[in-house]
Amino acid sequence: MKINGERFYLWRAVDHEGEVLECFVTKRRNKAEAKNFIIKTMRKYGSPKIITTDKLASYGVAFREIGVVDRQLCGGRANNRCENSHLPFRRRERATQKFKSCAMLQKFTSYHAQIYNHFNHERHLESRQSFKQKRSVALMEWFQICAS
């Protein structure tokens, strides 16, 4: 992502259901930043069985230092869930016409993830009636949160 002409990187942890667990904005995309993000996420959510990543070399080095290199999975279509979780965020980013600071990007991503997770129901896995019922419950909760 570009903010005032400078490139920033958005790190996101997504679980097996597609819910965004953690968002982290950094200036670099190197071993130290990868290690910080992985440790921060693992402290909060525990150690996963499988960690799916893209083929960035800094992930492998960071995983070796942490000691979870045997859990990394990359290549093929394994990364699709992670990449598809970026789509609604990218749509929203285009609508807001860029970010002015790194802090605003971090704040926006954390709020966006929480709201997206609240309304993201696996539509293709359930019946229309069940989906509508879950959606109306989510909307009622949202209206109660906004009213208070």
N, C-alpha and C. Protein backbone atom coordinates (compact mmCIF):
# COMPACT_ATOMS: atom_id res chain seq x y z
N MET A 1 0.84 -1.16 0.00
CA MET A 1 0.00 0.00 0.00
C MET A 1 0.89 1.24 0.00
N LYS A 2 0.43 2.28 -0.63
CA LYS A 2 1.19 3.52 -0.64
C LYS A 2 0.47 4.56 0.21
N ILE A 3 1.24 5.20 1.09
CA ILE A 3 0.74 6.28 1.92
C ILE A 3 1.69 7.45 1.73
N ASN A 4 1.18 8.53 1.18
CA ASN A 4 2.00 9.70 0.88
C ASN A 4 3.24 9.36 0.07
N GLY A 5 3.10 8.47 -0.88
CA GLY A 5 4.20 8.09 -1.75
C GLY A 5 5.15 7.06 -1.18
N GLU A 6 4.99 6.66 0.07
CA GLU A 6 5.84 5.64 0.68
C GLU A 6 5.11 4.31 0.71
N ARG A 7 5.85 3.25 0.51
CA ARG A 7 5.26 1.91 0.49
C ARG A 7 5.22 1.32 1.90
N PHE A 8 4.03 0.81 2.28
CA PHE A 8 3.84 0.11 3.54
C PHE A 8 3.27 -1.26 3.25
N TYR A 9 3.50 -2.18 4.17
CA TYR A 9 3.03 -3.55 3.98
C TYR A 9 2.00 -3.90 5.05
N LEU A 10 0.95 -4.55 4.61
CA LEU A 10 -0.13 -4.96 5.50
C LEU A 10 -0.03 -6.46 5.71
N TRP A 11 0.21 -6.89 6.94
CA TRP A 11 0.29 -8.30 7.29
C TRP A 11 -1.06 -8.67 7.90
N ARG A 12 -1.63 -9.78 7.46
CA ARG A 12 -2.92 -10.21 7.99
C ARG A 12 -2.87 -11.70 8.31
N ALA A 13 -3.42 -12.04 9.46
CA ALA A 13 -3.57 -13.45 9.84
C ALA A 13 -5.04 -13.81 9.69
N VAL A 14 -5.30 -14.88 8.95
CA VAL A 14 -6.66 -15.33 8.67
C VAL A 14 -6.79 -16.77 9.13
N ASP A 15 -7.89 -17.10 9.81
CA ASP A 15 -8.06 -18.49 10.25
C ASP A 15 -8.65 -19.35 9.14
N HIS A 16 -8.89 -20.61 9.43
CA HIS A 16 -9.35 -21.55 8.40
C HIS A 16 -10.75 -21.26 7.89
N GLU A 17 -11.51 -20.44 8.60
CA GLU A 17 -12.86 -20.07 8.15
C GLU A 17 -12.89 -18.75 7.41
N GLY A 18 -11.77 -18.08 7.31
CA GLY A 18 -11.70 -16.82 6.58
C GLY A 18 -11.85 -15.60 7.46
N GLU A 19 -11.93 -15.76 8.78
CA GLU A 19 -12.04 -14.62 9.67
C GLU A 19 -10.67 -14.01 9.90
N VAL A 20 -10.61 -12.69 9.87
CA VAL A 20 -9.34 -11.99 10.08
C VAL A 20 -9.04 -11.97 11.57
N LEU A 21 -7.88 -12.49 11.93
CA LEU A 21 -7.49 -12.54 13.34
C LEU A 21 -6.67 -11.32 13.74
N GLU A 22 -5.72 -10.96 12.90
CA GLU A 22 -4.78 -9.91 13.27
C GLU A 22 -4.37 -9.13 12.03
N CYS A 23 -4.22 -7.81 12.18
CA CYS A 23 -3.72 -6.94 11.11
C CYS A 23 -2.53 -6.16 11.66
N PHE A 24 -1.53 -5.96 10.83
CA PHE A 24 -0.30 -5.33 11.27
C PHE A 24 0.30 -4.58 10.10
N VAL A 25 0.59 -3.29 10.25
CA VAL A 25 1.15 -2.47 9.18
C VAL A 25 2.62 -2.20 9.51
N THR A 26 3.49 -2.44 8.53
CA THR A 26 4.92 -2.21 8.74
C THR A 26 5.53 -1.47 7.55
N LYS A 27 6.69 -0.92 7.79
CA LYS A 27 7.41 -0.20 6.75
C LYS A 27 8.20 -1.17 5.86
N ARG A 28 8.69 -2.27 6.46
CA ARG A 28 9.50 -3.23 5.71
C ARG A 28 8.81 -4.59 5.66
N ARG A 29 9.29 -5.42 4.78
CA ARG A 29 8.78 -6.79 4.64
C ARG A 29 9.97 -7.73 4.73
N ASN A 30 10.58 -7.80 5.92
CA ASN A 30 11.79 -8.58 6.09
C ASN A 30 11.61 -9.61 7.22
N LYS A 31 12.70 -10.28 7.57
CA LYS A 31 12.67 -11.34 8.57
C LYS A 31 12.20 -10.82 9.93
N ALA A 32 12.71 -9.69 10.35
CA ALA A 32 12.37 -9.15 11.67
C ALA A 32 10.88 -8.84 11.77
N GLU A 33 10.33 -8.22 10.73
CA GLU A 33 8.91 -7.88 10.74
C GLU A 33 8.05 -9.14 10.69
N ALA A 34 8.47 -10.11 9.88
CA ALA A 34 7.72 -11.38 9.81
C ALA A 34 7.74 -12.08 11.16
N LYS A 35 8.89 -12.09 11.80
CA LYS A 35 9.02 -12.73 13.11
C LYS A 35 8.15 -12.02 14.15
N ASN A 36 8.18 -10.69 14.16
CA ASN A 36 7.33 -9.93 15.09
C ASN A 36 5.86 -10.24 14.90
N PHE A 37 5.43 -10.26 13.64
CA PHE A 37 4.02 -10.53 13.36
C PHE A 37 3.62 -11.94 13.77
N ILE A 38 4.45 -12.91 13.46
CA ILE A 38 4.13 -14.31 13.78
C ILE A 38 4.09 -14.50 15.30
N ILE A 39 5.06 -13.96 16.01
CA ILE A 39 5.09 -14.10 17.47
C ILE A 39 3.89 -13.40 18.10
N LYS A 40 3.58 -12.21 17.62
CA LYS A 40 2.43 -11.46 18.16
C LYS A 40 1.13 -12.24 17.96
N THR A 41 0.97 -12.81 16.78
CA THR A 41 -0.25 -13.56 16.48
C THR A 41 -0.31 -14.86 17.28
N MET A 42 0.82 -15.56 17.39
CA MET A 42 0.83 -16.83 18.12
C MET A 42 0.63 -16.63 19.62
N ARG A 43 1.10 -15.53 20.17
CA ARG A 43 0.85 -15.24 21.59
C ARG A 43 -0.64 -15.03 21.85
N LYS A 44 -1.29 -14.37 20.91
CA LYS A 44 -2.70 -14.03 21.10
C LYS A 44 -3.63 -15.21 20.81
N TYR A 45 -3.32 -16.01 19.78
CA TYR A 45 -4.24 -17.05 19.33
C TYR A 45 -3.71 -18.47 19.48
N GLY A 46 -2.50 -18.64 19.97
CA GLY A 46 -1.94 -19.98 20.13
C GLY A 46 -1.20 -20.43 18.89
N SER A 47 -0.59 -21.58 19.00
CA SER A 47 0.22 -22.11 17.91
C SER A 47 -0.65 -22.94 16.96
N PRO A 48 -0.69 -22.58 15.67
CA PRO A 48 -1.53 -23.31 14.72
C PRO A 48 -0.88 -24.61 14.25
N LYS A 49 -1.70 -25.50 13.71
CA LYS A 49 -1.19 -26.75 13.15
C LYS A 49 -0.48 -26.51 11.82
N ILE A 50 -1.07 -25.64 10.99
CA ILE A 50 -0.51 -25.32 9.67
C ILE A 50 -0.52 -23.81 9.50
N ILE A 51 0.57 -23.26 8.96
CA ILE A 51 0.66 -21.84 8.67
C ILE A 51 0.83 -21.70 7.16
N THR A 52 -0.16 -21.14 6.49
CA THR A 52 -0.12 -20.98 5.05
C THR A 52 0.38 -19.58 4.72
N THR A 53 1.40 -19.50 3.88
CA THR A 53 1.98 -18.21 3.51
C THR A 53 2.23 -18.18 2.00
N ASP A 54 2.63 -16.99 1.53
CA ASP A 54 3.12 -16.93 0.16
C ASP A 54 4.58 -17.35 0.19
N LYS A 55 5.28 -17.21 -0.92
CA LYS A 55 6.65 -17.73 -1.01
C LYS A 55 7.72 -16.72 -0.64
N LEU A 56 7.38 -15.75 0.20
CA LEU A 56 8.35 -14.78 0.65
C LEU A 56 9.42 -15.48 1.49
N ALA A 57 10.68 -15.26 1.17
CA ALA A 57 11.78 -15.96 1.83
C ALA A 57 11.91 -15.61 3.31
N SER A 58 11.51 -14.40 3.68
CA SER A 58 11.65 -14.00 5.08
C SER A 58 10.76 -14.81 6.01
N TYR A 59 9.67 -15.38 5.50
CA TYR A 59 8.84 -16.25 6.33
C TYR A 59 9.63 -17.49 6.76
N GLY A 60 10.32 -18.12 5.84
CA GLY A 60 11.08 -19.32 6.14
C GLY A 60 12.14 -19.08 7.20
N VAL A 61 12.86 -17.96 7.08
CA VAL A 61 13.90 -17.63 8.05
C VAL A 61 13.28 -17.37 9.42
N ALA A 62 12.17 -16.62 9.46
CA ALA A 62 11.50 -16.32 10.72
C ALA A 62 10.96 -17.60 11.36
N PHE A 63 10.38 -18.49 10.56
CA PHE A 63 9.85 -19.76 11.09
C PHE A 63 10.98 -20.63 11.64
N ARG A 64 12.14 -20.61 10.98
CA ARG A 64 13.29 -21.38 11.48
C ARG A 64 13.73 -20.87 12.85
N GLU A 65 13.75 -19.55 13.01
CA GLU A 65 14.16 -18.97 14.30
C GLU A 65 13.15 -19.27 15.40
N ILE A 66 11.86 -19.26 15.06
CA ILE A 66 10.82 -19.54 16.05
C ILE A 66 10.73 -21.04 16.33
N GLY A 67 11.01 -21.86 15.32
CA GLY A 67 10.97 -23.31 15.49
C GLY A 67 9.71 -23.96 14.98
N VAL A 68 9.03 -23.32 14.02
CA VAL A 68 7.80 -23.88 13.46
C VAL A 68 7.91 -24.08 11.95
N VAL A 69 9.12 -24.29 11.47
CA VAL A 69 9.34 -24.39 10.03
C VAL A 69 8.61 -25.59 9.42
N ASP A 70 8.38 -26.64 10.19
CA ASP A 70 7.70 -27.82 9.67
C ASP A 70 6.21 -27.60 9.47
N ARG A 71 5.67 -26.51 9.98
CA ARG A 71 4.23 -26.22 9.85
C ARG A 71 3.90 -25.32 8.67
N GLN A 72 4.91 -24.78 7.98
CA GLN A 72 4.66 -23.85 6.88
C GLN A 72 4.19 -24.59 5.64
N LEU A 73 3.18 -24.04 5.00
CA LEU A 73 2.64 -24.57 3.76
C LEU A 73 2.55 -23.40 2.78
N CYS A 74 3.16 -23.54 1.62
CA CYS A 74 3.07 -22.48 0.62
C CYS A 74 3.10 -23.09 -0.77
N GLY A 75 2.65 -22.33 -1.72
CA GLY A 75 2.65 -22.80 -3.10
C GLY A 75 1.30 -23.33 -3.53
N GLY A 76 1.16 -23.46 -4.83
CA GLY A 76 -0.09 -23.96 -5.39
C GLY A 76 -1.25 -23.03 -5.10
N ARG A 77 -2.36 -23.59 -4.68
CA ARG A 77 -3.55 -22.80 -4.35
C ARG A 77 -3.76 -22.68 -2.85
N ALA A 78 -2.75 -23.04 -2.08
CA ALA A 78 -2.89 -23.04 -0.62
C ALA A 78 -3.13 -21.64 -0.07
N ASN A 79 -2.61 -20.63 -0.74
CA ASN A 79 -2.68 -19.26 -0.25
C ASN A 79 -3.97 -18.54 -0.65
N ASN A 80 -4.88 -19.21 -1.35
CA ASN A 80 -6.08 -18.55 -1.86
C ASN A 80 -6.95 -17.94 -0.76
N ARG A 81 -7.13 -18.63 0.37
CA ARG A 81 -7.96 -18.09 1.44
C ARG A 81 -7.38 -16.78 1.97
N CYS A 82 -6.07 -16.73 2.10
CA CYS A 82 -5.42 -15.50 2.56
C CYS A 82 -5.61 -14.37 1.55
N GLU A 83 -5.38 -14.68 0.29
CA GLU A 83 -5.50 -13.65 -0.75
C GLU A 83 -6.95 -13.19 -0.91
N ASN A 84 -7.90 -14.08 -0.81
CA ASN A 84 -9.30 -13.70 -0.95
C ASN A 84 -9.78 -12.86 0.23
N SER A 85 -9.14 -12.99 1.38
CA SER A 85 -9.53 -12.15 2.52
C SER A 85 -9.14 -10.70 2.28
N HIS A 86 -8.23 -10.43 1.35
CA HIS A 86 -7.83 -9.06 1.04
C HIS A 86 -8.86 -8.35 0.16
N LEU A 87 -9.69 -9.08 -0.55
CA LEU A 87 -10.56 -8.46 -1.55
C LEU A 87 -11.51 -7.41 -0.98
N PRO A 88 -12.27 -7.69 0.09
CA PRO A 88 -13.15 -6.63 0.59
C PRO A 88 -12.38 -5.42 1.11
N PHE A 89 -11.20 -5.67 1.66
CA PHE A 89 -10.39 -4.57 2.14
C PHE A 89 -9.91 -3.72 0.98
N ARG A 90 -9.47 -4.35 -0.09
CA ARG A 90 -9.01 -3.60 -1.27
C ARG A 90 -10.14 -2.76 -1.86
N ARG A 91 -11.34 -3.33 -1.90
CA ARG A 91 -12.50 -2.59 -2.39
C ARG A 91 -12.73 -1.34 -1.55
N ARG A 92 -12.65 -1.50 -0.24
CA ARG A 92 -12.87 -0.39 0.68
C ARG A 92 -11.75 0.65 0.55
N GLU A 93 -10.53 0.18 0.35
CA GLU A 93 -9.40 1.09 0.19
C GLU A 93 -9.59 1.98 -1.03
N ARG A 94 -10.04 1.40 -2.13
CA ARG A 94 -10.27 2.20 -3.34
C ARG A 94 -11.37 3.22 -3.11
N ALA A 95 -12.37 2.85 -2.33
CA ALA A 95 -13.48 3.77 -2.08
C ALA A 95 -13.04 4.95 -1.22
N THR A 96 -12.12 4.72 -0.29
CA THR A 96 -11.68 5.81 0.58
C THR A 96 -10.61 6.68 -0.05
N GLN A 97 -10.13 6.30 -1.24
CA GLN A 97 -9.15 7.09 -1.97
C GLN A 97 -7.87 7.34 -1.17
N LYS A 98 -7.21 6.26 -0.77
CA LYS A 98 -5.89 6.29 -0.13
C LYS A 98 -5.99 6.64 1.36
N PHE A 99 -4.90 6.40 2.06
CA PHE A 99 -4.79 6.72 3.48
C PHE A 99 -3.76 7.81 3.66
N LYS A 100 -3.91 8.63 4.68
CA LYS A 100 -3.02 9.76 4.89
C LYS A 100 -1.84 9.41 5.80
N SER A 101 -2.00 8.41 6.68
CA SER A 101 -0.91 8.05 7.58
C SER A 101 -0.95 6.55 7.88
N CYS A 102 0.17 6.06 8.38
CA CYS A 102 0.28 4.65 8.74
C CYS A 102 -0.65 4.32 9.91
N ALA A 103 -0.78 5.24 10.85
CA ALA A 103 -1.65 5.02 12.01
C ALA A 103 -3.11 4.88 11.59
N MET A 104 -3.53 5.70 10.63
CA MET A 104 -4.91 5.61 10.15
C MET A 104 -5.16 4.29 9.43
N LEU A 105 -4.17 3.82 8.68
CA LEU A 105 -4.29 2.53 8.01
C LEU A 105 -4.43 1.41 9.02
N GLN A 106 -3.60 1.42 10.06
CA GLN A 106 -3.66 0.40 11.11
C GLN A 106 -5.01 0.42 11.81
N LYS A 107 -5.48 1.61 12.13
CA LYS A 107 -6.77 1.76 12.81
C LYS A 107 -7.91 1.25 11.92
N PHE A 108 -7.88 1.65 10.65
CA PHE A 108 -8.93 1.23 9.72
C PHE A 108 -8.95 -0.29 9.55
N THR A 109 -7.78 -0.91 9.41
CA THR A 109 -7.75 -2.35 9.19
C THR A 109 -8.27 -3.12 10.39
N SER A 110 -7.96 -2.66 11.60
CA SER A 110 -8.44 -3.38 12.78
C SER A 110 -9.96 -3.27 12.89
N TYR A 111 -10.52 -2.07 12.68
CA TYR A 111 -11.98 -1.92 12.74
C TYR A 111 -12.67 -2.66 11.59
N HIS A 112 -12.09 -2.56 10.40
CA HIS A 112 -12.69 -3.22 9.25
C HIS A 112 -12.75 -4.72 9.45
N ALA A 113 -11.70 -5.31 10.01
CA ALA A 113 -11.66 -6.75 10.24
C ALA A 113 -12.74 -7.18 11.22
N GLN A 114 -12.93 -6.40 12.29
CA GLN A 114 -13.94 -6.74 13.28
C GLN A 114 -15.35 -6.70 12.68
N ILE A 115 -15.62 -5.66 11.92
CA ILE A 115 -16.95 -5.52 11.32
C ILE A 115 -17.16 -6.57 10.24
N TYR A 116 -16.15 -6.82 9.43
CA TYR A 116 -16.26 -7.82 8.37
C TYR A 116 -16.50 -9.21 8.96
N ASN A 117 -15.77 -9.55 10.03
CA ASN A 117 -15.96 -10.85 10.67
C ASN A 117 -17.36 -11.00 11.24
N HIS A 118 -17.93 -9.90 11.72
CA HIS A 118 -19.27 -9.93 12.30
C HIS A 118 -20.33 -10.27 11.24
N PHE A 119 -20.16 -9.74 10.05
CA PHE A 119 -21.15 -9.94 9.00
C PHE A 119 -20.80 -11.03 8.00
N ASN A 120 -19.61 -11.60 8.08
CA ASN A 120 -19.18 -12.60 7.11
C ASN A 120 -19.72 -13.97 7.48
N HIS A 121 -20.74 -14.40 6.79
CA HIS A 121 -21.30 -15.74 6.99
C HIS A 121 -21.00 -16.55 5.73
N GLU A 122 -20.69 -17.80 5.92
CA GLU A 122 -20.38 -18.67 4.79
C GLU A 122 -21.67 -18.98 4.03
N ARG A 123 -22.02 -18.12 3.12
CA ARG A 123 -23.28 -18.17 2.41
C ARG A 123 -23.47 -19.48 1.63
N HIS A 124 -22.42 -19.99 1.06
CA HIS A 124 -22.53 -21.18 0.22
C HIS A 124 -22.66 -22.47 1.04
N LEU A 125 -22.46 -22.41 2.34
CA LEU A 125 -22.50 -23.61 3.17
C LEU A 125 -23.82 -23.82 3.90
N GLU A 126 -24.75 -22.89 3.76
CA GLU A 126 -26.01 -23.01 4.49
C GLU A 126 -27.19 -22.61 3.62
N SER A 127 -28.36 -22.95 4.10
CA SER A 127 -29.57 -22.66 3.33
C SER A 127 -29.87 -21.17 3.34
N ARG A 128 -30.69 -20.74 2.42
CA ARG A 128 -31.06 -19.33 2.30
C ARG A 128 -31.75 -18.83 3.56
N GLN A 129 -32.64 -19.65 4.10
CA GLN A 129 -33.40 -19.25 5.29
C GLN A 129 -32.46 -19.08 6.49
N SER A 130 -31.55 -20.00 6.66
CA SER A 130 -30.59 -19.92 7.76
C SER A 130 -29.68 -18.70 7.59
N PHE A 131 -29.24 -18.44 6.35
CA PHE A 131 -28.39 -17.29 6.09
C PHE A 131 -29.12 -15.99 6.42
N LYS A 132 -30.38 -15.86 6.00
CA LYS A 132 -31.16 -14.66 6.28
C LYS A 132 -31.35 -14.44 7.77
N GLN A 133 -31.57 -15.53 8.49
CA GLN A 133 -31.77 -15.43 9.93
C GLN A 133 -30.48 -14.95 10.61
N LYS A 134 -29.36 -15.52 10.24
CA LYS A 134 -28.08 -15.10 10.83
C LYS A 134 -27.77 -13.65 10.47
N ARG A 135 -28.08 -13.27 9.25
CA ARG A 135 -27.83 -11.91 8.80
C ARG A 135 -28.68 -10.91 9.58
N SER A 136 -29.95 -11.23 9.82
CA SER A 136 -30.81 -10.31 10.57
C SER A 136 -30.36 -10.19 12.03
N VAL A 137 -29.89 -11.30 12.61
CA VAL A 137 -29.37 -11.24 13.98
C VAL A 137 -28.13 -10.35 14.02
N ALA A 138 -27.24 -10.48 13.05
CA ALA A 138 -26.04 -9.65 12.98
C ALA A 138 -26.40 -8.18 12.83
N LEU A 139 -27.40 -7.88 11.99
CA LEU A 139 -27.82 -6.49 11.81
C LEU A 139 -28.44 -5.92 13.08
N MET A 140 -29.24 -6.71 13.80
CA MET A 140 -29.82 -6.25 15.06
C MET A 140 -28.72 -5.94 16.08
N GLU A 141 -27.72 -6.81 16.17
CA GLU A 141 -26.59 -6.56 17.07
C GLU A 141 -25.85 -5.29 16.66
N TRP A 142 -25.68 -5.10 15.36
CA TRP A 142 -24.99 -3.92 14.86
C TRP A 142 -25.76 -2.65 15.20
N PHE A 143 -27.08 -2.67 15.03
CA PHE A 143 -27.89 -1.49 15.36
C PHE A 143 -27.83 -1.19 16.86
N GLN A 144 -27.80 -2.21 17.69
CA GLN A 144 -27.68 -2.00 19.14
C GLN A 144 -26.33 -1.39 19.49
N ILE A 145 -25.27 -1.85 18.83
CA ILE A 145 -23.93 -1.28 19.08
C ILE A 145 -23.88 0.18 18.65
N CYS A 146 -24.47 0.47 17.48
CA CYS A 146 -24.45 1.86 16.98
C CYS A 146 -25.31 2.77 17.82
N ALA A 147 -26.40 2.26 18.40
CA ALA A 147 -27.31 3.08 19.18
C ALA A 147 -26.70 3.46 20.53
N SER A 148 -25.82 2.62 21.05
CA SER A 148 -25.26 2.91 22.39
C SER A 148 -24.03 3.78 22.32
